[in-house]
C-alpha atoms as a PDB file:
ATOM      1  CA  THR A   1      30.855  30.096  70.577  1.00  0.00           C
ATOM      2  CA  VAL A   2      32.408  28.454  67.582  1.00  0.00           C
ATOM      3  CA  THR A   3      35.787  29.466  66.762  1.00  0.00           C
ATOM      4  CA  ILE A   4      37.097  29.159  63.309  1.00  0.00           C
ATOM      5  CA  VAL A   5      40.540  28.559  62.272  1.00  0.00           C
ATOM      6  CA  ASP A   6      41.406  29.041  58.356  1.00  0.00           C
ATOM      7  CA  PRO A   7      44.249  30.964  56.724  1.00  0.00           C
ATOM      8  CA  ASP A   8      41.889  30.959  53.570  1.00  0.00           C
ATOM      9  CA  VAL A   9      39.268  33.329  54.979  1.00  0.00           C
ATOM     10  CA  ASN A  10      39.435  36.947  55.712  1.00  0.00           C
ATOM     11  CA  GLU A  11      37.979  38.385  58.776  1.00  0.00           C
ATOM     12  CA  PRO A  12      34.485  39.022  57.415  1.00  0.00           C
ATOM     13  CA  GLN A  13      34.160  35.550  55.979  1.00  0.00           C
ATOM     14  CA  ARG A  14      35.463  33.986  59.758  1.00  0.00           C
ATOM     15  CA  LEU A  15      32.891  35.850  61.210  1.00  0.00           C
ATOM     16  CA  VAL A  16      30.071  34.478  58.945  1.00  0.00           C
ATOM     17  CA  MET A  17      31.392  31.058  59.365  1.00  0.00           C
ATOM     18  CA  GLU A  18      31.248  31.314  62.957  1.00  0.00           C
ATOM     19  CA  ARG A  19      27.808  32.582  63.146  1.00  0.00           C
ATOM     20  CA  VAL A  20      26.518  29.795  60.920  1.00  0.00           C
ATOM     21  CA  PHE A  21      27.962  27.284  63.266  1.00  0.00           C
ATOM     22  CA  GLY A  22      26.695  29.029  66.137  1.00  0.00           C
ATOM     23  CA  GLN A  23      23.096  29.285  65.205  1.00  0.00           C
ATOM     24  CA  ASP A  24      20.365  27.598  63.868  1.00  0.00           C
ATOM     25  CA  GLN A  25      20.114  30.595  60.723  1.00  0.00           C
ATOM     26  CA  THR A  26      21.980  32.847  59.126  1.00  0.00           C
ATOM     27  CA  PHE A  27      21.647  34.762  56.045  1.00  0.00           C
ATOM     28  CA  VAL A  28      24.664  35.844  54.226  1.00  0.00           C
ATOM     29  CA  TRP A  29      24.796  38.595  51.599  1.00  0.00           C
ATOM     30  CA  GLY A  30      26.510  41.025  50.329  1.00  0.00           C
ATOM     31  CA  PRO A  31      28.018  42.960  47.181  1.00  0.00           C
ATOM     32  CA  PRO A  32      29.448  41.035  43.864  1.00  0.00           C
ATOM     33  CA  GLY A  33      33.108  40.075  44.454  1.00  0.00           C
ATOM     34  CA  THR A  34      32.753  39.759  48.614  1.00  0.00           C
ATOM     35  CA  GLY A  35      33.555  36.416  48.916  1.00  0.00           C
ATOM     36  CA  LYS A  36      30.039  34.570  49.613  1.00  0.00           C
ATOM     37  CA  THR A  37      30.252  31.688  47.146  1.00  0.00           C
ATOM     38  CA  PHE A  38      33.608  31.105  48.587  1.00  0.00           C
ATOM     39  CA  THR A  39      32.748  31.181  52.001  1.00  0.00           C
ATOM     40  CA  LEU A  40      29.347  29.442  51.611  1.00  0.00           C
ATOM     41  CA  ALA A  41      31.503  26.702  49.696  1.00  0.00           C
ATOM     42  CA  LYS A  42      33.793  26.448  52.806  1.00  0.00           C
ATOM     43  CA  ILE A  43      30.921  26.541  55.260  1.00  0.00           C
ATOM     44  CA  ILE A  44      29.161  23.748  53.195  1.00  0.00           C
ATOM     45  CA  ALA A  45      32.274  21.294  52.890  1.00  0.00           C
ATOM     46  CA  ARG A  46      32.738  21.780  56.662  1.00  0.00           C
ATOM     47  CA  ALA A  47      29.335  21.114  57.615  1.00  0.00           C
ATOM     48  CA  ALA A  48      29.459  17.778  55.468  1.00  0.00           C
ATOM     49  CA  ALA A  49      32.769  16.801  57.297  1.00  0.00           C
ATOM     50  CA  GLN A  50      30.726  17.147  60.552  1.00  0.00           C
ATOM     51  CA  GLY A  51      28.239  14.687  59.093  1.00  0.00           C
ATOM     52  CA  ARG A  52      25.447  17.511  58.704  1.00  0.00           C
ATOM     53  CA  LYS A  53      23.134  17.416  56.256  1.00  0.00           C
ATOM     54  CA  VAL A  54      22.905  20.832  54.146  1.00  0.00           C
ATOM     55  CA  LEU A  55      20.150  22.225  51.702  1.00  0.00           C
ATOM     56  CA  ALA A  56      21.709  25.302  49.432  1.00  0.00           C
ATOM     57  CA  SER A  57      19.271  26.832  46.844  1.00  0.00           C
ATOM     58  CA  GLY A  58      19.754  29.787  44.602  1.00  0.00           C
ATOM     59  CA  ILE A  59      17.861  32.471  42.305  1.00  0.00           C
ATOM     60  CA  SER A  60      18.834  30.385  39.146  1.00  0.00           C
ATOM     61  CA  ASN A  61      20.651  27.366  37.812  1.00  0.00           C
ATOM     62  CA  ILE A  62      23.701  29.523  36.880  1.00  0.00           C
ATOM     63  CA  ALA A  63      24.395  30.767  40.612  1.00  0.00           C
ATOM     64  CA  VAL A  64      23.700  26.895  41.873  1.00  0.00           C
ATOM     65  CA  ASP A  65      25.918  25.783  39.248  1.00  0.00           C
ATOM     66  CA  HIS A  66      28.847  28.251  40.815  1.00  0.00           C
ATOM     67  CA  LEU A  67      28.279  27.428  44.349  1.00  0.00           C
ATOM     68  CA  THR A  68      28.177  23.734  42.942  1.00  0.00           C
ATOM     69  CA  ARG A  69      31.626  24.118  41.637  1.00  0.00           C
ATOM     70  CA  ALA A  70      32.894  25.933  44.820  1.00  0.00           C
ATOM     71  CA  VAL A  71      32.011  23.056  46.951  1.00  0.00           C
ATOM     72  CA  VAL A  72      33.120  20.611  44.831  1.00  0.00           C
ATOM     73  CA  LYS A  73      36.809  22.189  44.655  1.00  0.00           C
ATOM     74  CA  GLU A  74      36.635  22.826  48.745  1.00  0.00           C
ATOM     75  CA  MET A  75      35.752  19.399  49.124  1.00  0.00           C
ATOM     76  CA  GLU A  76      38.597  17.526  46.692  1.00  0.00           C
ATOM     77  CA  ARG A  77      40.950  19.565  49.245  1.00  0.00           C
ATOM     78  CA  VAL A  78      40.086  17.070  52.315  1.00  0.00           C
ATOM     79  CA  ARG A  79      40.108  13.161  52.461  1.00  0.00           C
ATOM     80  CA  GLU A  80      36.739  12.920  54.039  1.00  0.00           C
ATOM     81  CA  THR A  81      35.000  15.419  52.067  1.00  0.00           C
ATOM     82  CA  ARG A  82      36.217  14.145  48.831  1.00  0.00           C
ATOM     83  CA  GLU A  83      34.972  10.286  50.082  1.00  0.00           C
ATOM     84  CA  LEU A  84      31.340  11.929  50.109  1.00  0.00           C
ATOM     85  CA  LEU A  85      31.542  13.218  46.614  1.00  0.00           C
ATOM     86  CA  ASP A  86      32.845   9.894  45.476  1.00  0.00           C
ATOM     87  CA  ALA A  87      30.309   7.906  47.231  1.00  0.00           C
ATOM     88  CA  ARG A  88      27.469  10.324  45.885  1.00  0.00           C
ATOM     89  CA  LYS A  89      26.447  11.752  48.686  1.00  0.00           C
ATOM     90  CA  VAL A  90      26.565  14.956  47.386  1.00  0.00           C
ATOM     91  CA  LEU A  91      23.613  16.275  45.020  1.00  0.00           C
ATOM     92  CA  ARG A  92      22.973  18.366  42.552  1.00  0.00           C
ATOM     93  CA  PHE A  93      19.517  18.896  41.956  1.00  0.00           C
ATOM     94  CA  GLY A  94      17.549  20.553  39.225  1.00  0.00           C
ATOM     95  CA  TYR A  95      18.812  21.383  35.768  1.00  0.00           C
ATOM     96  CA  PRO A  96      22.601  22.102  35.644  1.00  0.00           C
ATOM     97  CA  ALA A  97      23.482  25.084  33.202  1.00  0.00           C
ATOM     98  CA  MET A  98      27.494  24.524  33.324  1.00  0.00           C
ATOM     99  CA  PRO A  99      28.283  21.607  31.350  1.00  0.00           C
ATOM    100  CA  GLU A 100      31.384  21.038  33.863  1.00  0.00           C
ATOM    101  CA  ILE A 101      28.352  20.515  36.577  1.00  0.00           C
ATOM    102  CA  ASN A 102      26.342  18.228  34.169  1.00  0.00           C
ATOM    103  CA  ALA A 103      29.596  16.257  33.238  1.00  0.00           C
ATOM    104  CA  ASP A 104      30.132  15.505  37.030  1.00  0.00           C
ATOM    105  CA  ASP A 105      28.465  11.988  37.487  1.00  0.00           C
ATOM    106  CA  ARG A 106      29.183  12.399  41.662  1.00  0.00           C
ATOM    107  CA  LEU A 107      26.338  14.678  41.504  1.00  0.00           C
ATOM    108  CA  PHE A 108      23.754  13.162  40.129  1.00  0.00           C
ATOM    109  CA  PRO A 109      23.771   9.628  41.708  1.00  0.00           C
ATOM    110  CA  ASP A 110      20.651   8.153  39.787  1.00  0.00           C
ATOM    111  CA  LYS A 111      21.227  10.132  36.489  1.00  0.00           C
ATOM    112  CA  ASP A 112      20.469   7.271  34.133  1.00  0.00           C
ATOM    113  CA  HIS A 113      17.573   6.405  36.237  1.00  0.00           C
ATOM    114  CA  ILE A 114      15.877  10.387  36.095  1.00  0.00           C
ATOM    115  CA  ILE A 115      16.757   9.824  32.512  1.00  0.00           C
ATOM    116  CA  ALA A 116      14.396   7.120  31.775  1.00  0.00           C
ATOM    117  CA  LEU A 117      11.800   8.644  34.168  1.00  0.00           C
ATOM    118  CA  ARG A 118      11.550  11.781  32.611  1.00  0.00           C
ATOM    119  CA  ARG A 119      11.743  10.004  28.752  1.00  0.00           C
ATOM    120  CA  GLU A 120       8.707   8.052  30.367  1.00  0.00           C
ATOM    121  CA  LEU A 121       6.851  11.138  31.598  1.00  0.00           C
ATOM    122  CA  GLY A 122       7.398  13.044  28.489  1.00  0.00           C
ATOM    123  CA  LYS A 123       5.336   9.758  26.740  1.00  0.00           C
ATOM    124  CA  ALA A 124       2.686   9.915  29.085  1.00  0.00           C
ATOM    125  CA  GLN A 125       2.240  13.698  28.773  1.00  0.00           C
ATOM    126  CA  ALA A 126       2.250  13.114  24.946  1.00  0.00           C
ATOM    127  CA  ALA A 127      -0.505  10.714  25.069  1.00  0.00           C
ATOM    128  CA  LEU A 128      -2.282  12.788  27.574  1.00  0.00           C
ATOM    129  CA  ALA A 129      -2.289  16.103  25.022  1.00  0.00           C
END
């Protein structure tokens, strides 16, 4: 079993973290205000620090943005994970709804290239229409 020591988390959050790192799949759910986003950000940052690849998804762009904001905040606290952010190893895929997420270039490593490709795609779609 995995033992998590983190003074910032409460007992249920610690148990979730231990389960996540102790098995292949874990689903985290609960009522609003129970710390799901906070706990997931801790989990994602810890996994990234261990060199693991993580895919996090949500039911809306704003939900993903809230999680992204929490992950960035958590990753900025530790040098190793801050270096991953600065090296553009964290990707926010999709269409961010929060301006602060969209403005963080670390989360969009090929932003200029993607914008150019979207313009080309738009022109091609217009030509086909």
